[in-house]
Amino acid sequence: MASGQLQTVLTHHEPPPIPIHVLHREGRYASAKVRSFVDLISERLRREARWL
């Protein structure tokens, strides 16, 4: 607490992880914006241990 950083407390009361699914169209009708978003959110969710 002295450092001013947030700390997780009561970790044994955390809910179980939630599975997240992202569906999107692949192929020639795929949107580049959607693909970029899927890549971004996938990377960020993998970095967050609580979403695994």
C-alpha atoms as a PDB file:
ATOM      1  CA  MET A   1       0.000   0.000   0.000  1.00  0.00           C
ATOM      2  CA  ALA A   2       2.890   2.337   0.610  1.00  0.00           C
ATOM      3  CA  SER A   3       3.791   2.258  -3.093  1.00  0.00           C
ATOM      4  CA  GLY A   4       0.305   3.410  -4.106  1.00  0.00           C
ATOM      5  CA  GLN A   5      -0.137   0.411  -6.442  1.00  0.00           C
ATOM      6  CA  LEU A   6      -3.375  -1.539  -6.599  1.00  0.00           C
ATOM      7  CA  GLN A   7      -3.205  -4.988  -5.081  1.00  0.00           C
ATOM      8  CA  THR A   8      -5.542  -7.940  -5.402  1.00  0.00           C
ATOM      9  CA  VAL A   9      -7.074  -8.975  -2.106  1.00  0.00           C
ATOM     10  CA  LEU A  10      -9.404 -11.857  -1.270  1.00  0.00           C
ATOM     11  CA  THR A  11      -8.306 -13.764  -4.374  1.00  0.00           C
ATOM     12  CA  HIS A  12     -10.029 -16.889  -3.083  1.00  0.00           C
ATOM     13  CA  HIS A  13     -13.361 -15.063  -3.591  1.00  0.00           C
ATOM     14  CA  GLU A  14     -12.789 -14.296  -7.278  1.00  0.00           C
ATOM     15  CA  PRO A  15     -15.317 -15.783  -9.691  1.00  0.00           C
ATOM     16  CA  PRO A  16     -14.160 -18.484 -12.108  1.00  0.00           C
ATOM     17  CA  PRO A  17     -12.892 -17.362 -15.538  1.00  0.00           C
ATOM     18  CA  ILE A  18     -15.472 -16.641 -18.229  1.00  0.00           C
ATOM     19  CA  PRO A  19     -14.960 -18.200 -21.676  1.00  0.00           C
ATOM     20  CA  ILE A  20     -15.075 -15.596 -24.418  1.00  0.00           C
ATOM     21  CA  HIS A  21     -15.690 -16.467 -28.063  1.00  0.00           C
ATOM     22  CA  VAL A  22     -15.207 -14.137 -31.017  1.00  0.00           C
ATOM     23  CA  LEU A  23     -16.905 -15.089 -34.271  1.00  0.00           C
ATOM     24  CA  HIS A  24     -16.205 -13.268 -37.494  1.00  0.00           C
ATOM     25  CA  ARG A  25     -16.311 -13.816 -41.216  1.00  0.00           C
ATOM     26  CA  GLU A  26     -13.104 -15.055 -42.843  1.00  0.00           C
ATOM     27  CA  GLY A  27     -12.172 -14.975 -46.486  1.00  0.00           C
ATOM     28  CA  ARG A  28     -12.708 -12.411 -49.185  1.00  0.00           C
ATOM     29  CA  TYR A  29     -15.714 -10.810 -47.471  1.00  0.00           C
ATOM     30  CA  ALA A  30     -13.832 -10.258 -44.234  1.00  0.00           C
ATOM     31  CA  SER A  31     -13.402  -6.716 -42.966  1.00  0.00           C
ATOM     32  CA  ALA A  32      -9.843  -5.592 -42.251  1.00  0.00           C
ATOM     33  CA  LYS A  33     -11.155  -3.510 -39.329  1.00  0.00           C
ATOM     34  CA  VAL A  34     -12.859  -6.523 -37.777  1.00  0.00           C
ATOM     35  CA  ARG A  35      -9.742  -8.661 -38.238  1.00  0.00           C
ATOM     36  CA  SER A  36      -7.612  -5.969 -36.577  1.00  0.00           C
ATOM     37  CA  PHE A  37     -10.034  -5.808 -33.652  1.00  0.00           C
ATOM     38  CA  VAL A  38     -10.041  -9.609 -33.246  1.00  0.00           C
ATOM     39  CA  ASP A  39      -6.233  -9.675 -33.244  1.00  0.00           C
ATOM     40  CA  LEU A  40      -6.067  -6.854 -30.689  1.00  0.00           C
ATOM     41  CA  ILE A  41      -8.672  -8.251 -28.298  1.00  0.00           C
ATOM     42  CA  SER A  42      -7.220 -11.765 -28.533  1.00  0.00           C
ATOM     43  CA  GLU A  43      -3.780 -10.511 -27.561  1.00  0.00           C
ATOM     44  CA  ARG A  44      -5.096  -8.457 -24.655  1.00  0.00           C
ATOM     45  CA  LEU A  45      -7.316 -11.225 -23.320  1.00  0.00           C
ATOM     46  CA  ARG A  46      -4.430 -13.719 -23.405  1.00  0.00           C
ATOM     47  CA  ARG A  47      -2.305 -11.290 -21.383  1.00  0.00           C
ATOM     48  CA  GLU A  48      -4.958 -11.035 -18.663  1.00  0.00           C
ATOM     49  CA  ALA A  49      -4.671 -14.201 -16.561  1.00  0.00           C
ATOM     50  CA  ARG A  50      -8.180 -13.786 -15.147  1.00  0.00           C
ATOM     51  CA  TRP A  51      -9.743 -14.317 -18.610  1.00  0.00           C
ATOM     52  CA  LEU A  52      -7.976 -17.637 -19.210  1.00  0.00           C
END
